[in-house]
Amino acid sequence: MKKLEGVYVADSLENVGEYAKLGPGFGKAIAFLQRKDLKSLPNGRYSLDGENVYAMIQEATLKEWGTGRPEVHHEYFDIQLPLSGSEIIGVGRFDPKTPGDFDEEKDIGFYDGVAVEPLTLHPGEFAILWPETCAHAPCCDEVGGDVIRKIVIKVHK
């Protein structure tokens, strides 16, 4: 397990059940991640508890490390898990005083100049990214260009 207190935790999918204690929505998210058919599910959005908890299975083209803009969410935790291919997610502590544009309706803001460190996730590994305190730049690798399938689960705080 890797972690930065109050910012993120990364662990093996084998240990995902330990994180149900983070809140009521996490039980639904974890049950979804424990499905045996995850890799065969089609891309799309899966409602696990209305707008409180939902999963998105998607394909993403990776960007070269260092070229992505860190993003922050205020209302939702992110749980991210690559299904195929590895991904580097830049993660770092976010200072709410950082200037940037935040879209309240979409619950996302992008911020230049936020320091992030690389966190590499492989299939079978996941990261939980905290709202408000975690700046993250997902979908990166060393050179960019590869396409991966991944799951992003949104859990309302």
N, C-alpha and C. Protein backbone atom coordinates (compact mmCIF):
# COMPACT_ATOMS: atom_id res chain seq x y z
N MET A 1 0.85 -1.18 0.00
CA MET A 1 0.00 0.00 0.00
C MET A 1 0.89 1.24 0.00
N LYS A 2 0.46 2.24 -0.76
CA LYS A 2 1.09 3.55 -0.77
C LYS A 2 0.03 4.54 -0.34
N LYS A 3 0.43 5.59 0.37
CA LYS A 3 -0.56 6.59 0.74
C LYS A 3 0.10 7.91 1.10
N LEU A 4 -0.69 8.94 0.96
CA LEU A 4 -0.37 10.27 1.47
C LEU A 4 -1.62 10.67 2.23
N GLU A 5 -1.50 10.74 3.55
CA GLU A 5 -2.66 10.92 4.44
C GLU A 5 -3.58 12.04 3.97
N GLY A 6 -4.87 11.70 3.81
CA GLY A 6 -5.88 12.67 3.41
C GLY A 6 -5.80 13.11 1.96
N VAL A 7 -4.93 12.48 1.17
CA VAL A 7 -4.77 12.84 -0.23
C VAL A 7 -5.10 11.65 -1.13
N TYR A 8 -4.44 10.52 -0.91
CA TYR A 8 -4.72 9.33 -1.72
C TYR A 8 -4.25 8.09 -0.98
N VAL A 9 -4.74 6.96 -1.43
CA VAL A 9 -4.24 5.65 -1.03
C VAL A 9 -4.24 4.80 -2.29
N ALA A 10 -3.23 3.97 -2.44
CA ALA A 10 -3.15 3.02 -3.56
C ALA A 10 -2.85 1.65 -2.98
N ASP A 11 -3.51 0.64 -3.53
CA ASP A 11 -3.38 -0.69 -2.96
C ASP A 11 -3.73 -1.72 -4.02
N SER A 12 -3.57 -2.99 -3.66
CA SER A 12 -3.93 -4.11 -4.52
C SER A 12 -5.43 -4.37 -4.41
N LEU A 13 -6.02 -4.79 -5.51
CA LEU A 13 -7.45 -5.11 -5.54
C LEU A 13 -7.78 -6.20 -4.52
N GLU A 14 -6.81 -7.04 -4.18
CA GLU A 14 -7.03 -8.08 -3.17
C GLU A 14 -7.43 -7.48 -1.82
N ASN A 15 -7.02 -6.25 -1.55
CA ASN A 15 -7.27 -5.60 -0.26
C ASN A 15 -8.41 -4.60 -0.30
N VAL A 16 -9.13 -4.51 -1.41
CA VAL A 16 -10.12 -3.45 -1.59
C VAL A 16 -11.21 -3.47 -0.52
N GLY A 17 -11.56 -4.64 0.00
CA GLY A 17 -12.60 -4.74 1.01
C GLY A 17 -12.30 -3.96 2.27
N GLU A 18 -11.03 -3.73 2.55
CA GLU A 18 -10.63 -2.98 3.75
C GLU A 18 -11.08 -1.52 3.70
N TYR A 19 -11.44 -1.02 2.54
CA TYR A 19 -11.74 0.40 2.39
C TYR A 19 -13.24 0.70 2.49
N ALA A 20 -14.06 -0.31 2.75
CA ALA A 20 -15.50 -0.10 2.91
C ALA A 20 -15.77 0.84 4.10
N LYS A 21 -14.88 0.88 5.05
CA LYS A 21 -15.07 1.72 6.24
C LYS A 21 -14.95 3.22 5.95
N LEU A 22 -14.55 3.60 4.75
CA LEU A 22 -14.40 5.02 4.43
C LEU A 22 -15.74 5.75 4.33
N GLY A 23 -16.82 5.03 4.18
CA GLY A 23 -18.13 5.67 4.11
C GLY A 23 -19.15 4.78 3.46
N PRO A 24 -20.43 5.14 3.56
CA PRO A 24 -21.49 4.26 3.05
C PRO A 24 -21.42 3.98 1.56
N GLY A 25 -21.03 4.94 0.76
CA GLY A 25 -20.95 4.72 -0.68
C GLY A 25 -19.82 3.79 -1.07
N PHE A 26 -18.81 3.67 -0.22
CA PHE A 26 -17.67 2.83 -0.56
C PHE A 26 -18.04 1.35 -0.61
N GLY A 27 -19.01 0.92 0.18
CA GLY A 27 -19.44 -0.48 0.12
C GLY A 27 -19.97 -0.84 -1.26
N LYS A 28 -20.74 0.05 -1.86
CA LYS A 28 -21.29 -0.20 -3.21
C LYS A 28 -20.18 -0.18 -4.26
N ALA A 29 -19.26 0.76 -4.11
CA ALA A 29 -18.14 0.84 -5.05
C ALA A 29 -17.27 -0.42 -4.97
N ILE A 30 -17.02 -0.85 -3.77
CA ILE A 30 -16.16 -2.03 -3.58
C ILE A 30 -16.84 -3.29 -4.10
N ALA A 31 -18.14 -3.41 -3.87
CA ALA A 31 -18.86 -4.57 -4.41
C ALA A 31 -18.72 -4.61 -5.93
N PHE A 32 -18.79 -3.45 -6.58
CA PHE A 32 -18.62 -3.40 -8.04
C PHE A 32 -17.21 -3.84 -8.42
N LEU A 33 -16.20 -3.37 -7.70
CA LEU A 33 -14.81 -3.73 -8.02
C LEU A 33 -14.52 -5.21 -7.77
N GLN A 34 -15.34 -5.86 -6.97
CA GLN A 34 -15.13 -7.28 -6.68
C GLN A 34 -15.85 -8.20 -7.66
N ARG A 35 -16.55 -7.61 -8.63
CA ARG A 35 -17.23 -8.43 -9.64
C ARG A 35 -16.20 -9.25 -10.41
N LYS A 36 -16.58 -10.47 -10.73
CA LYS A 36 -15.68 -11.37 -11.48
C LYS A 36 -15.63 -11.01 -12.96
N ASP A 37 -16.64 -10.27 -13.44
CA ASP A 37 -16.73 -9.98 -14.87
C ASP A 37 -16.27 -8.56 -15.24
N LEU A 38 -15.50 -7.91 -14.38
CA LEU A 38 -15.10 -6.51 -14.63
C LEU A 38 -14.50 -6.31 -16.02
N LYS A 39 -13.55 -7.17 -16.38
CA LYS A 39 -12.85 -6.97 -17.65
C LYS A 39 -13.74 -7.15 -18.87
N SER A 40 -14.83 -7.89 -18.71
CA SER A 40 -15.70 -8.14 -19.87
C SER A 40 -16.86 -7.16 -19.97
N LEU A 41 -17.03 -6.30 -18.97
CA LEU A 41 -18.12 -5.31 -19.04
C LEU A 41 -17.85 -4.31 -20.15
N PRO A 42 -18.87 -3.91 -20.88
CA PRO A 42 -18.66 -2.91 -21.94
C PRO A 42 -18.40 -1.52 -21.35
N ASN A 43 -17.75 -0.70 -22.16
CA ASN A 43 -17.54 0.69 -21.76
C ASN A 43 -18.89 1.35 -21.52
N GLY A 44 -18.92 2.26 -20.57
CA GLY A 44 -20.14 2.99 -20.27
C GLY A 44 -20.22 3.37 -18.81
N ARG A 45 -21.36 3.94 -18.48
CA ARG A 45 -21.61 4.39 -17.10
C ARG A 45 -22.53 3.39 -16.41
N TYR A 46 -22.22 3.08 -15.16
CA TYR A 46 -22.97 2.12 -14.37
C TYR A 46 -23.41 2.81 -13.07
N SER A 47 -24.71 2.95 -12.89
CA SER A 47 -25.23 3.56 -11.68
C SER A 47 -25.19 2.52 -10.56
N LEU A 48 -24.52 2.86 -9.47
CA LEU A 48 -24.43 1.96 -8.32
C LEU A 48 -25.32 2.45 -7.18
N ASP A 49 -25.58 3.75 -7.17
CA ASP A 49 -26.49 4.38 -6.21
C ASP A 49 -26.82 5.77 -6.72
N GLY A 50 -27.51 5.83 -7.85
CA GLY A 50 -27.86 7.11 -8.45
C GLY A 50 -26.64 7.98 -8.69
N GLU A 51 -26.74 9.25 -8.30
CA GLU A 51 -25.62 10.17 -8.45
C GLU A 51 -24.65 10.10 -7.26
N ASN A 52 -24.99 9.29 -6.26
CA ASN A 52 -24.11 9.15 -5.09
C ASN A 52 -22.89 8.29 -5.38
N VAL A 53 -23.10 7.23 -6.14
CA VAL A 53 -22.00 6.32 -6.50
C VAL A 53 -22.26 5.82 -7.91
N TYR A 54 -21.29 6.04 -8.79
CA TYR A 54 -21.41 5.50 -10.14
C TYR A 54 -20.03 5.18 -10.69
N ALA A 55 -20.01 4.23 -11.61
CA ALA A 55 -18.76 3.78 -12.22
C ALA A 55 -18.78 4.11 -13.70
N MET A 56 -17.61 4.40 -14.22
CA MET A 56 -17.43 4.61 -15.66
C MET A 56 -16.32 3.70 -16.13
N ILE A 57 -16.63 2.86 -17.10
CA ILE A 57 -15.61 2.05 -17.75
C ILE A 57 -15.34 2.72 -19.08
N GLN A 58 -14.07 3.02 -19.31
CA GLN A 58 -13.74 3.84 -20.48
C GLN A 58 -12.37 3.47 -21.03
N GLU A 59 -12.17 3.88 -22.27
CA GLU A 59 -10.84 3.80 -22.88
C GLU A 59 -10.24 5.19 -22.82
N ALA A 60 -8.94 5.25 -22.60
CA ALA A 60 -8.25 6.53 -22.51
C ALA A 60 -6.92 6.43 -23.24
N THR A 61 -6.62 7.45 -24.02
CA THR A 61 -5.30 7.55 -24.65
C THR A 61 -4.37 8.24 -23.67
N LEU A 62 -3.27 7.58 -23.36
CA LEU A 62 -2.34 8.10 -22.37
C LEU A 62 -1.56 9.29 -22.91
N LYS A 63 -1.31 10.25 -22.03
CA LYS A 63 -0.50 11.42 -22.34
C LYS A 63 0.91 11.19 -21.81
N GLU A 64 1.86 11.89 -22.37
CA GLU A 64 3.23 11.81 -21.87
C GLU A 64 3.29 12.41 -20.47
N TRP A 65 4.01 11.72 -19.58
CA TRP A 65 4.14 12.18 -18.20
C TRP A 65 4.61 13.64 -18.17
N GLY A 66 3.95 14.43 -17.37
CA GLY A 66 4.30 15.83 -17.21
C GLY A 66 3.54 16.78 -18.10
N THR A 67 2.71 16.24 -19.01
CA THR A 67 1.97 17.13 -19.91
C THR A 67 0.51 17.32 -19.49
N GLY A 68 0.02 16.52 -18.55
CA GLY A 68 -1.37 16.64 -18.11
C GLY A 68 -1.54 17.73 -17.06
N ARG A 69 -2.69 18.39 -17.08
CA ARG A 69 -3.01 19.40 -16.07
C ARG A 69 -3.66 18.71 -14.87
N PRO A 70 -3.13 18.96 -13.67
CA PRO A 70 -3.77 18.37 -12.49
C PRO A 70 -5.20 18.87 -12.33
N GLU A 71 -6.06 17.95 -11.90
CA GLU A 71 -7.46 18.26 -11.67
C GLU A 71 -7.80 18.01 -10.21
N VAL A 72 -8.87 18.64 -9.76
CA VAL A 72 -9.36 18.50 -8.39
C VAL A 72 -10.87 18.40 -8.44
N HIS A 73 -11.43 17.61 -7.54
CA HIS A 73 -12.88 17.51 -7.37
C HIS A 73 -13.23 17.97 -5.96
N HIS A 74 -14.40 18.56 -5.78
CA HIS A 74 -14.85 18.99 -4.46
C HIS A 74 -15.84 18.01 -3.84
N GLU A 75 -16.67 17.38 -4.65
CA GLU A 75 -17.78 16.59 -4.13
C GLU A 75 -17.58 15.08 -4.16
N TYR A 76 -16.68 14.59 -5.00
CA TYR A 76 -16.54 13.15 -5.19
C TYR A 76 -15.13 12.66 -4.95
N PHE A 77 -15.04 11.50 -4.28
CA PHE A 77 -13.82 10.71 -4.28
C PHE A 77 -13.73 10.06 -5.65
N ASP A 78 -12.53 9.86 -6.15
CA ASP A 78 -12.30 9.04 -7.34
C ASP A 78 -11.68 7.72 -6.88
N ILE A 79 -12.17 6.62 -7.42
CA ILE A 79 -11.46 5.35 -7.31
C ILE A 79 -11.08 5.00 -8.74
N GLN A 80 -9.79 4.82 -8.99
CA GLN A 80 -9.31 4.56 -10.35
C GLN A 80 -8.58 3.23 -10.39
N LEU A 81 -8.89 2.44 -11.43
CA LEU A 81 -8.34 1.10 -11.58
C LEU A 81 -8.12 0.80 -13.06
N PRO A 82 -6.89 0.60 -13.49
CA PRO A 82 -6.69 0.19 -14.89
C PRO A 82 -7.10 -1.27 -15.08
N LEU A 83 -7.81 -1.53 -16.18
CA LEU A 83 -8.20 -2.90 -16.53
C LEU A 83 -7.20 -3.53 -17.49
N SER A 84 -6.65 -2.72 -18.38
CA SER A 84 -5.64 -3.20 -19.33
C SER A 84 -4.59 -2.12 -19.46
N GLY A 85 -3.35 -2.50 -19.40
CA GLY A 85 -2.26 -1.53 -19.50
C GLY A 85 -2.03 -0.81 -18.18
N SER A 86 -0.85 -0.26 -18.04
CA SER A 86 -0.48 0.48 -16.85
C SER A 86 -0.66 1.96 -17.09
N GLU A 87 -0.80 2.68 -16.01
CA GLU A 87 -1.05 4.12 -16.08
C GLU A 87 -0.26 4.81 -14.98
N ILE A 88 0.24 5.99 -15.27
CA ILE A 88 0.83 6.83 -14.25
C ILE A 88 -0.17 7.94 -13.95
N ILE A 89 -0.48 8.09 -12.66
CA ILE A 89 -1.33 9.19 -12.22
C ILE A 89 -0.45 10.11 -11.39
N GLY A 90 -0.39 11.37 -11.76
CA GLY A 90 0.31 12.33 -10.92
C GLY A 90 -0.58 12.66 -9.73
N VAL A 91 -0.05 12.57 -8.51
CA VAL A 91 -0.83 12.87 -7.31
C VAL A 91 -0.05 13.83 -6.42
N GLY A 92 -0.77 14.74 -5.80
CA GLY A 92 -0.14 15.68 -4.88
C GLY A 92 -1.16 16.38 -4.01
N ARG A 93 -0.68 16.95 -2.93
CA ARG A 93 -1.55 17.69 -2.02
C ARG A 93 -1.95 19.01 -2.67
N PHE A 94 -3.24 19.31 -2.60
CA PHE A 94 -3.78 20.52 -3.22
C PHE A 94 -4.07 21.57 -2.16
N ASP A 95 -3.65 22.79 -2.44
CA ASP A 95 -3.96 23.94 -1.59
C ASP A 95 -5.15 24.65 -2.21
N PRO A 96 -6.28 24.75 -1.49
CA PRO A 96 -7.47 25.37 -2.07
C PRO A 96 -7.29 26.83 -2.48
N LYS A 97 -6.21 27.46 -2.05
CA LYS A 97 -5.95 28.85 -2.43
C LYS A 97 -5.30 28.96 -3.81
N THR A 98 -4.99 27.82 -4.42
CA THR A 98 -4.35 27.81 -5.74
C THR A 98 -5.29 28.40 -6.77
N PRO A 99 -4.82 29.38 -7.56
CA PRO A 99 -5.69 29.94 -8.60
C PRO A 99 -5.97 28.93 -9.72
N GLY A 100 -7.19 28.98 -10.21
CA GLY A 100 -7.58 28.08 -11.30
C GLY A 100 -9.07 28.20 -11.54
N ASP A 101 -9.55 27.47 -12.51
CA ASP A 101 -10.96 27.50 -12.87
C ASP A 101 -11.63 26.23 -12.37
N PHE A 102 -12.72 26.41 -11.60
CA PHE A 102 -13.47 25.26 -11.10
C PHE A 102 -14.89 25.32 -11.64
N ASP A 103 -15.35 24.22 -12.21
CA ASP A 103 -16.71 24.11 -12.74
C ASP A 103 -17.54 23.35 -11.71
N GLU A 104 -18.35 24.07 -10.95
CA GLU A 104 -19.17 23.47 -9.89
C GLU A 104 -20.13 22.42 -10.45
N GLU A 105 -20.73 22.69 -11.60
CA GLU A 105 -21.70 21.77 -12.18
C GLU A 105 -21.07 20.42 -12.53
N LYS A 106 -19.84 20.45 -13.06
CA LYS A 106 -19.14 19.22 -13.44
C LYS A 106 -18.23 18.69 -12.34
N ASP A 107 -18.12 19.43 -11.24
CA ASP A 107 -17.26 19.06 -10.11
C ASP A 107 -15.82 18.77 -10.55
N ILE A 108 -15.25 19.72 -11.30
CA ILE A 108 -13.86 19.55 -11.72
C ILE A 108 -13.21 20.92 -11.92
N GLY A 109 -11.99 21.00 -11.48
CA GLY A 109 -11.18 22.19 -11.73
C GLY A 109 -9.80 21.75 -12.19
N PHE A 110 -9.19 22.55 -13.05
CA PHE A 110 -7.85 22.26 -13.56
C PHE A 110 -6.90 23.34 -13.07
N TYR A 111 -5.72 22.93 -12.64
CA TYR A 111 -4.79 23.85 -12.00
C TYR A 111 -3.38 23.63 -12.51
N ASP A 112 -2.80 24.70 -13.05
CA ASP A 112 -1.41 24.64 -13.48
C ASP A 112 -0.51 24.91 -12.27
N GLY A 113 0.69 24.40 -12.32
CA GLY A 113 1.67 24.71 -11.29
C GLY A 113 1.49 23.95 -9.99
N VAL A 114 0.65 22.92 -9.95
CA VAL A 114 0.49 22.11 -8.75
C VAL A 114 1.48 20.94 -8.85
N ALA A 115 2.30 20.77 -7.82
CA ALA A 115 3.30 19.71 -7.82
C ALA A 115 2.64 18.35 -7.62
N VAL A 116 2.91 17.42 -8.52
CA VAL A 116 2.43 16.05 -8.39
C VAL A 116 3.60 15.09 -8.57
N GLU A 117 3.50 13.96 -7.89
CA GLU A 117 4.48 12.89 -8.00
C GLU A 117 3.85 11.72 -8.74
N PRO A 118 4.65 10.94 -9.47
CA PRO A 118 4.06 9.82 -10.21
C PRO A 118 3.63 8.66 -9.31
N LEU A 119 2.45 8.15 -9.58
CA LEU A 119 1.93 6.94 -8.94
C LEU A 119 1.57 6.00 -10.09
N THR A 120 2.27 4.88 -10.19
CA THR A 120 2.01 3.94 -11.27
C THR A 120 1.03 2.87 -10.80
N LEU A 121 -0.03 2.68 -11.59
CA LEU A 121 -1.01 1.64 -11.32
C LEU A 121 -0.98 0.63 -12.45
N HIS A 122 -1.01 -0.64 -12.08
CA HIS A 122 -1.09 -1.75 -13.02
C HIS A 122 -2.46 -2.41 -12.86
N PRO A 123 -2.91 -3.19 -13.84
CA PRO A 123 -4.15 -3.93 -13.63
C PRO A 123 -4.09 -4.71 -12.31
N GLY A 124 -5.17 -4.67 -11.56
CA GLY A 124 -5.19 -5.32 -10.25
C GLY A 124 -4.80 -4.38 -9.12
N GLU A 125 -4.50 -3.12 -9.44
CA GLU A 125 -4.18 -2.11 -8.43
C GLU A 125 -5.14 -0.93 -8.61
N PHE A 126 -5.46 -0.26 -7.51
CA PHE A 126 -6.39 0.86 -7.57
C PHE A 126 -5.86 2.00 -6.71
N ALA A 127 -6.41 3.17 -6.95
CA ALA A 127 -6.11 4.34 -6.12
C ALA A 127 -7.43 4.99 -5.73
N ILE A 128 -7.49 5.47 -4.49
CA ILE A 128 -8.60 6.29 -4.03
C ILE A 128 -8.05 7.69 -3.85
N LEU A 129 -8.67 8.65 -4.52
CA LEU A 129 -8.21 10.03 -4.53
C LEU A 129 -9.24 10.89 -3.80
N TRP A 130 -8.80 11.60 -2.77
CA TRP A 130 -9.70 12.37 -1.93
C TRP A 130 -10.17 13.65 -2.63
N PRO A 131 -11.43 14.04 -2.39
CA PRO A 131 -11.89 15.33 -2.91
C PRO A 131 -11.25 16.47 -2.13
N GLU A 132 -11.09 17.59 -2.78
CA GLU A 132 -10.59 18.84 -2.22
C GLU A 132 -9.11 18.86 -1.90
N THR A 133 -8.52 17.74 -1.50
CA THR A 133 -7.11 17.75 -1.09
C THR A 133 -6.18 17.06 -2.07
N CYS A 134 -6.72 16.33 -3.05
CA CYS A 134 -5.87 15.59 -3.99
C CYS A 134 -5.94 16.21 -5.38
N ALA A 135 -4.81 16.75 -5.80
CA ALA A 135 -4.66 17.14 -7.21
C ALA A 135 -4.14 15.90 -7.92
N HIS A 136 -4.73 15.59 -9.06
CA HIS A 136 -4.28 14.40 -9.78
C HIS A 136 -4.32 14.62 -11.28
N ALA A 137 -3.33 14.06 -11.94
CA ALA A 137 -3.21 14.11 -13.39
C ALA A 137 -3.23 12.67 -13.90
N PRO A 138 -4.42 12.15 -14.24
CA PRO A 138 -4.53 10.75 -14.65
C PRO A 138 -4.12 10.53 -16.11
N CYS A 139 -4.08 9.26 -16.48
CA CYS A 139 -3.92 8.84 -17.88
C CYS A 139 -2.59 9.28 -18.48
N CYS A 140 -1.50 8.99 -17.80
CA CYS A 140 -0.17 9.30 -18.32
C CYS A 140 0.69 8.04 -18.34
N ASP A 141 1.74 8.09 -19.14
CA ASP A 141 2.83 7.13 -19.06
C ASP A 141 4.09 7.83 -19.56
N GLU A 142 5.16 7.11 -19.72
CA GLU A 142 6.44 7.75 -20.05
C GLU A 142 6.43 8.48 -21.39
N VAL A 143 5.77 7.90 -22.40
CA VAL A 143 5.83 8.50 -23.74
C VAL A 143 4.48 8.90 -24.32
N GLY A 144 3.39 8.40 -23.77
CA GLY A 144 2.06 8.73 -24.29
C GLY A 144 1.72 7.92 -25.52
N GLY A 145 0.45 7.98 -25.89
CA GLY A 145 -0.01 7.35 -27.12
C GLY A 145 -0.73 6.03 -26.95
N ASP A 146 -0.37 5.23 -25.94
CA ASP A 146 -1.04 3.95 -25.74
C ASP A 146 -2.48 4.18 -25.27
N VAL A 147 -3.34 3.21 -25.56
CA VAL A 147 -4.73 3.27 -25.12
C VAL A 147 -4.93 2.19 -24.06
N ILE A 148 -5.55 2.59 -22.94
CA ILE A 148 -5.87 1.63 -21.88
C ILE A 148 -7.37 1.63 -21.63
N ARG A 149 -7.85 0.57 -21.00
CA ARG A 149 -9.22 0.55 -20.45
C ARG A 149 -9.08 0.70 -18.96
N LYS A 150 -9.99 1.49 -18.39
CA LYS A 150 -9.93 1.71 -16.96
C LYS A 150 -11.31 1.93 -16.39
N ILE A 151 -11.38 1.83 -15.08
CA ILE A 151 -12.61 2.12 -14.34
C ILE A 151 -12.34 3.34 -13.48
N VAL A 152 -13.27 4.28 -13.50
CA VAL A 152 -13.29 5.39 -12.55
C VAL A 152 -14.62 5.31 -11.84
N ILE A 153 -14.56 5.20 -10.53
CA ILE A 153 -15.78 5.19 -9.72
C ILE A 153 -15.83 6.50 -8.95
N LYS A 154 -16.98 7.15 -8.98
CA LYS A 154 -17.21 8.39 -8.26
C LYS A 154 -18.05 8.07 -7.03
N VAL A 155 -17.55 8.48 -5.85
CA VAL A 155 -18.26 8.26 -4.59
C VAL A 155 -18.46 9.63 -3.94
N HIS A 156 -19.72 10.02 -3.78
CA HIS A 156 -20.02 11.32 -3.17
C HIS A 156 -19.56 11.31 -1.71
N LYS A 157 -18.94 12.40 -1.31
CA LYS A 157 -18.42 12.46 0.07
C LYS A 157 -19.51 12.61 1.11
